[in-house]
């Protein structure tokens, strides 16, 4: 199994365990920000932490590896292959399969659910902040 496949399995499994929300954001740097918050809080196993790199890009904070991880998730049928204009991708796996994948990765369900919760909550806060800015810009 490749490192990208393992990263994709972990990311999607964390999301699937933490929430019933089946959409993962793929635009506006929302997931990049959430990964950074989770990373800074000590989330994820060492093998993933060693492979994630964050940079300040033209459009804001960016996880360098995230596009490849999301592509691998789509290739592995963990998520639906979105149209390029979509801002989200649909998660295809359910909690049972997420648990199996985590077992193969030797990651505890509890840890993965906690990491997924950090990701989900950070995304939700970022979406609310973006909406507030958008509303303020048009007021």
C-alpha atoms as a PDB file:
ATOM      1  CA  UNK A   1       0.000   0.000   0.000  1.00  0.00           C
ATOM      2  CA  UNK A   2       1.330   3.438  -0.834  1.00  0.00           C
ATOM      3  CA  UNK A   3       1.746   6.289   1.593  1.00  0.00           C
ATOM      4  CA  UNK A   4      -0.820   8.345  -0.305  1.00  0.00           C
ATOM      5  CA  UNK A   5      -3.356   5.535  -0.078  1.00  0.00           C
ATOM      6  CA  UNK A   6      -2.774   5.201   3.656  1.00  0.00           C
ATOM      7  CA  UNK A   7      -3.115   8.974   4.121  1.00  0.00           C
ATOM      8  CA  UNK A   8      -6.346   8.985   2.094  1.00  0.00           C
ATOM      9  CA  UNK A   9      -7.743   6.054   4.060  1.00  0.00           C
ATOM     10  CA  UNK A  10      -6.919   7.726   7.363  1.00  0.00           C
ATOM     11  CA  UNK A  11      -8.313  11.128   6.419  1.00  0.00           C
ATOM     12  CA  UNK A  12     -11.594   9.796   5.023  1.00  0.00           C
ATOM     13  CA  UNK A  13     -11.980   7.299   7.877  1.00  0.00           C
ATOM     14  CA  UNK A  14     -11.474  10.025  10.481  1.00  0.00           C
ATOM     15  CA  UNK A  15     -14.129  12.131   8.784  1.00  0.00           C
ATOM     16  CA  UNK A  16     -16.534   9.186   8.454  1.00  0.00           C
ATOM     17  CA  UNK A  17     -16.229   8.243  12.132  1.00  0.00           C
ATOM     18  CA  UNK A  18     -16.547  11.759  13.473  1.00  0.00           C
ATOM     19  CA  UNK A  19     -19.659  12.883  11.680  1.00  0.00           C
ATOM     20  CA  UNK A  20     -22.634  11.824   9.639  1.00  0.00           C
ATOM     21  CA  UNK A  21     -21.790  14.677   7.274  1.00  0.00           C
ATOM     22  CA  UNK A  22     -20.854  12.947   4.044  1.00  0.00           C
ATOM     23  CA  UNK A  23     -19.234  15.947   2.380  1.00  0.00           C
ATOM     24  CA  UNK A  24     -15.563  16.844   2.716  1.00  0.00           C
ATOM     25  CA  UNK A  25     -14.603  20.338   1.524  1.00  0.00           C
ATOM     26  CA  UNK A  26     -12.189  20.446  -1.398  1.00  0.00           C
ATOM     27  CA  UNK A  27     -11.925  24.180  -1.979  1.00  0.00           C
ATOM     28  CA  UNK A  28     -11.243  27.518  -0.323  1.00  0.00           C
ATOM     29  CA  UNK A  29      -8.526  26.009   1.864  1.00  0.00           C
ATOM     30  CA  UNK A  30     -11.072  24.802   4.434  1.00  0.00           C
ATOM     31  CA  UNK A  31      -9.627  21.321   4.767  1.00  0.00           C
ATOM     32  CA  UNK A  32      -6.071  22.691   4.647  1.00  0.00           C
ATOM     33  CA  UNK A  33      -6.867  24.891   7.654  1.00  0.00           C
ATOM     34  CA  UNK A  34      -8.524  22.021   9.485  1.00  0.00           C
ATOM     35  CA  UNK A  35      -5.557  19.729   8.855  1.00  0.00           C
ATOM     36  CA  UNK A  36      -3.201  22.369  10.222  1.00  0.00           C
ATOM     37  CA  UNK A  37      -5.286  22.821  13.387  1.00  0.00           C
ATOM     38  CA  UNK A  38      -5.413  19.064  13.906  1.00  0.00           C
ATOM     39  CA  UNK A  39      -1.698  18.733  13.134  1.00  0.00           C
ATOM     40  CA  UNK A  40      -0.820  21.487  15.614  1.00  0.00           C
ATOM     41  CA  UNK A  41      -2.903  19.768  18.285  1.00  0.00           C
ATOM     42  CA  UNK A  42      -0.841  16.587  17.891  1.00  0.00           C
ATOM     43  CA  UNK A  43      -3.356  14.654  15.819  1.00  0.00           C
ATOM     44  CA  UNK A  44      -2.423  11.822  13.474  1.00  0.00           C
ATOM     45  CA  UNK A  45       0.169   9.070  13.708  1.00  0.00           C
ATOM     46  CA  UNK A  46       3.851   9.878  13.236  1.00  0.00           C
ATOM     47  CA  UNK A  47       3.943   8.301   9.761  1.00  0.00           C
ATOM     48  CA  UNK A  48       1.434  10.883   8.530  1.00  0.00           C
ATOM     49  CA  UNK A  49       2.726  13.817  10.563  1.00  0.00           C
ATOM     50  CA  UNK A  50       6.158  13.321   8.988  1.00  0.00           C
ATOM     51  CA  UNK A  51       4.650  13.583   5.504  1.00  0.00           C
ATOM     52  CA  UNK A  52       2.418  16.644   5.869  1.00  0.00           C
ATOM     53  CA  UNK A  53       3.834  20.046   4.957  1.00  0.00           C
ATOM     54  CA  UNK A  54       2.066  23.393   5.218  1.00  0.00           C
ATOM     55  CA  UNK A  55       2.956  26.568   3.368  1.00  0.00           C
ATOM     56  CA  UNK A  56       1.582  30.074   3.086  1.00  0.00           C
ATOM     57  CA  UNK A  57       0.427  30.173  -0.513  1.00  0.00           C
ATOM     58  CA  UNK A  58      -1.118  32.921  -2.588  1.00  0.00           C
ATOM     59  CA  UNK A  59      -4.620  31.859  -1.541  1.00  0.00           C
ATOM     60  CA  UNK A  60      -3.730  31.251   2.135  1.00  0.00           C
ATOM     61  CA  UNK A  61      -2.541  28.266   4.108  1.00  0.00           C
ATOM     62  CA  UNK A  62      -2.051  25.163   2.007  1.00  0.00           C
ATOM     63  CA  UNK A  63      -1.222  21.556   2.803  1.00  0.00           C
ATOM     64  CA  UNK A  64       1.170  20.634   0.009  1.00  0.00           C
ATOM     65  CA  UNK A  65       0.134  16.970  -0.026  1.00  0.00           C
ATOM     66  CA  UNK A  66      -3.628  17.454   0.252  1.00  0.00           C
ATOM     67  CA  UNK A  67      -4.491  17.545  -3.481  1.00  0.00           C
ATOM     68  CA  UNK A  68      -2.678  14.238  -4.011  1.00  0.00           C
ATOM     69  CA  UNK A  69      -4.341  12.719  -0.925  1.00  0.00           C
ATOM     70  CA  UNK A  70      -7.792  13.778  -2.146  1.00  0.00           C
ATOM     71  CA  UNK A  71      -7.048  12.431  -5.628  1.00  0.00           C
ATOM     72  CA  UNK A  72      -5.981   9.103  -4.147  1.00  0.00           C
ATOM     73  CA  UNK A  73      -9.172   8.989  -2.060  1.00  0.00           C
ATOM     74  CA  UNK A  74     -11.153   9.357  -5.278  1.00  0.00           C
ATOM     75  CA  UNK A  75      -9.062   6.765  -7.124  1.00  0.00           C
ATOM     76  CA  UNK A  76      -9.543   4.321  -4.230  1.00  0.00           C
ATOM     77  CA  UNK A  77     -13.316   4.964  -4.347  1.00  0.00           C
ATOM     78  CA  UNK A  78     -13.328   6.319  -0.798  1.00  0.00           C
ATOM     79  CA  UNK A  79     -14.920   9.497  -2.124  1.00  0.00           C
ATOM     80  CA  UNK A  80     -16.841  10.455  -5.238  1.00  0.00           C
ATOM     81  CA  UNK A  81     -14.858  12.064  -8.020  1.00  0.00           C
ATOM     82  CA  UNK A  82     -16.261  15.611  -8.023  1.00  0.00           C
ATOM     83  CA  UNK A  83     -16.675  17.912 -10.945  1.00  0.00           C
ATOM     84  CA  UNK A  84     -13.855  20.506 -10.751  1.00  0.00           C
ATOM     85  CA  UNK A  85     -16.367  23.242  -9.917  1.00  0.00           C
ATOM     86  CA  UNK A  86     -17.706  21.394  -6.870  1.00  0.00           C
ATOM     87  CA  UNK A  87     -16.571  22.649  -3.493  1.00  0.00           C
ATOM     88  CA  UNK A  88     -17.069  19.304  -1.754  1.00  0.00           C
ATOM     89  CA  UNK A  89     -16.553  15.619  -2.388  1.00  0.00           C
ATOM     90  CA  UNK A  90     -18.936  12.977  -1.117  1.00  0.00           C
ATOM     91  CA  UNK A  91     -17.640  10.282   1.232  1.00  0.00           C
ATOM     92  CA  UNK A  92     -18.534   6.837  -0.080  1.00  0.00           C
ATOM     93  CA  UNK A  93     -17.529   4.727   2.896  1.00  0.00           C
ATOM     94  CA  UNK A  94     -19.588   4.092   6.014  1.00  0.00           C
ATOM     95  CA  UNK A  95     -18.400   3.776   9.594  1.00  0.00           C
ATOM     96  CA  UNK A  96     -17.971  -0.031   9.400  1.00  0.00           C
ATOM     97  CA  UNK A  97     -15.533   0.165   6.502  1.00  0.00           C
ATOM     98  CA  UNK A  98     -13.756   3.122   8.125  1.00  0.00           C
ATOM     99  CA  UNK A  99     -13.175   0.952  11.204  1.00  0.00           C
ATOM    100  CA  UNK A 100     -11.746  -1.858   9.062  1.00  0.00           C
ATOM    101  CA  UNK A 101      -9.379   0.528   7.291  1.00  0.00           C
ATOM    102  CA  UNK A 102      -8.224   1.984  10.605  1.00  0.00           C
ATOM    103  CA  UNK A 103      -7.551  -1.506  11.934  1.00  0.00           C
ATOM    104  CA  UNK A 104      -5.337  -2.209   8.916  1.00  0.00           C
ATOM    105  CA  UNK A 105      -3.547   1.107   9.536  1.00  0.00           C
ATOM    106  CA  UNK A 106      -3.171   0.209  13.242  1.00  0.00           C
ATOM    107  CA  UNK A 107      -4.952   3.408  14.297  1.00  0.00           C
ATOM    108  CA  UNK A 108      -7.459   3.332  17.149  1.00  0.00           C
ATOM    109  CA  UNK A 109     -11.065   4.163  16.373  1.00  0.00           C
ATOM    110  CA  UNK A 110     -11.160   6.520  19.339  1.00  0.00           C
ATOM    111  CA  UNK A 111      -8.160   8.534  18.129  1.00  0.00           C
ATOM    112  CA  UNK A 112      -9.465   8.657  14.570  1.00  0.00           C
ATOM    113  CA  UNK A 113     -12.886   9.856  15.734  1.00  0.00           C
ATOM    114  CA  UNK A 114     -11.261  12.581  17.862  1.00  0.00           C
ATOM    115  CA  UNK A 115      -9.076  13.698  14.937  1.00  0.00           C
ATOM    116  CA  UNK A 116     -12.080  13.674  12.636  1.00  0.00           C
ATOM    117  CA  UNK A 117     -14.028  15.763  15.136  1.00  0.00           C
ATOM    118  CA  UNK A 118     -11.254  18.387  15.133  1.00  0.00           C
ATOM    119  CA  UNK A 119     -11.271  18.421  11.324  1.00  0.00           C
ATOM    120  CA  UNK A 120     -15.054  18.687  11.102  1.00  0.00           C
ATOM    121  CA  UNK A 121     -15.417  21.381  13.764  1.00  0.00           C
ATOM    122  CA  UNK A 122     -12.590  23.457  12.284  1.00  0.00           C
ATOM    123  CA  UNK A 123     -14.192  23.266   8.845  1.00  0.00           C
ATOM    124  CA  UNK A 124     -17.569  24.304  10.268  1.00  0.00           C
ATOM    125  CA  UNK A 125     -16.007  27.308  12.052  1.00  0.00           C
ATOM    126  CA  UNK A 126     -14.141  28.338   8.895  1.00  0.00           C
ATOM    127  CA  UNK A 127     -17.353  28.082   6.851  1.00  0.00           C
ATOM    128  CA  UNK A 128     -19.195  30.262   9.384  1.00  0.00           C
ATOM    129  CA  UNK A 129     -16.375  32.813   9.351  1.00  0.00           C
ATOM    130  CA  UNK A 130     -16.435  32.887   5.542  1.00  0.00           C
ATOM    131  CA  UNK A 131     -20.201  33.434   5.509  1.00  0.00           C
ATOM    132  CA  UNK A 132     -19.892  36.240   8.065  1.00  0.00           C
ATOM    133  CA  UNK A 133     -17.242  37.949   5.953  1.00  0.00           C
ATOM    134  CA  UNK A 134     -19.350  37.493   2.822  1.00  0.00           C
ATOM    135  CA  UNK A 135     -22.435  38.953   4.518  1.00  0.00           C
ATOM    136  CA  UNK A 136     -20.392  41.877   5.829  1.00  0.00           C
ATOM    137  CA  UNK A 137     -18.960  42.564   2.395  1.00  0.00           C
ATOM    138  CA  UNK A 138     -22.438  42.893   0.922  1.00  0.00           C
ATOM    139  CA  UNK A 139     -23.957  44.948   3.756  1.00  0.00           C
END
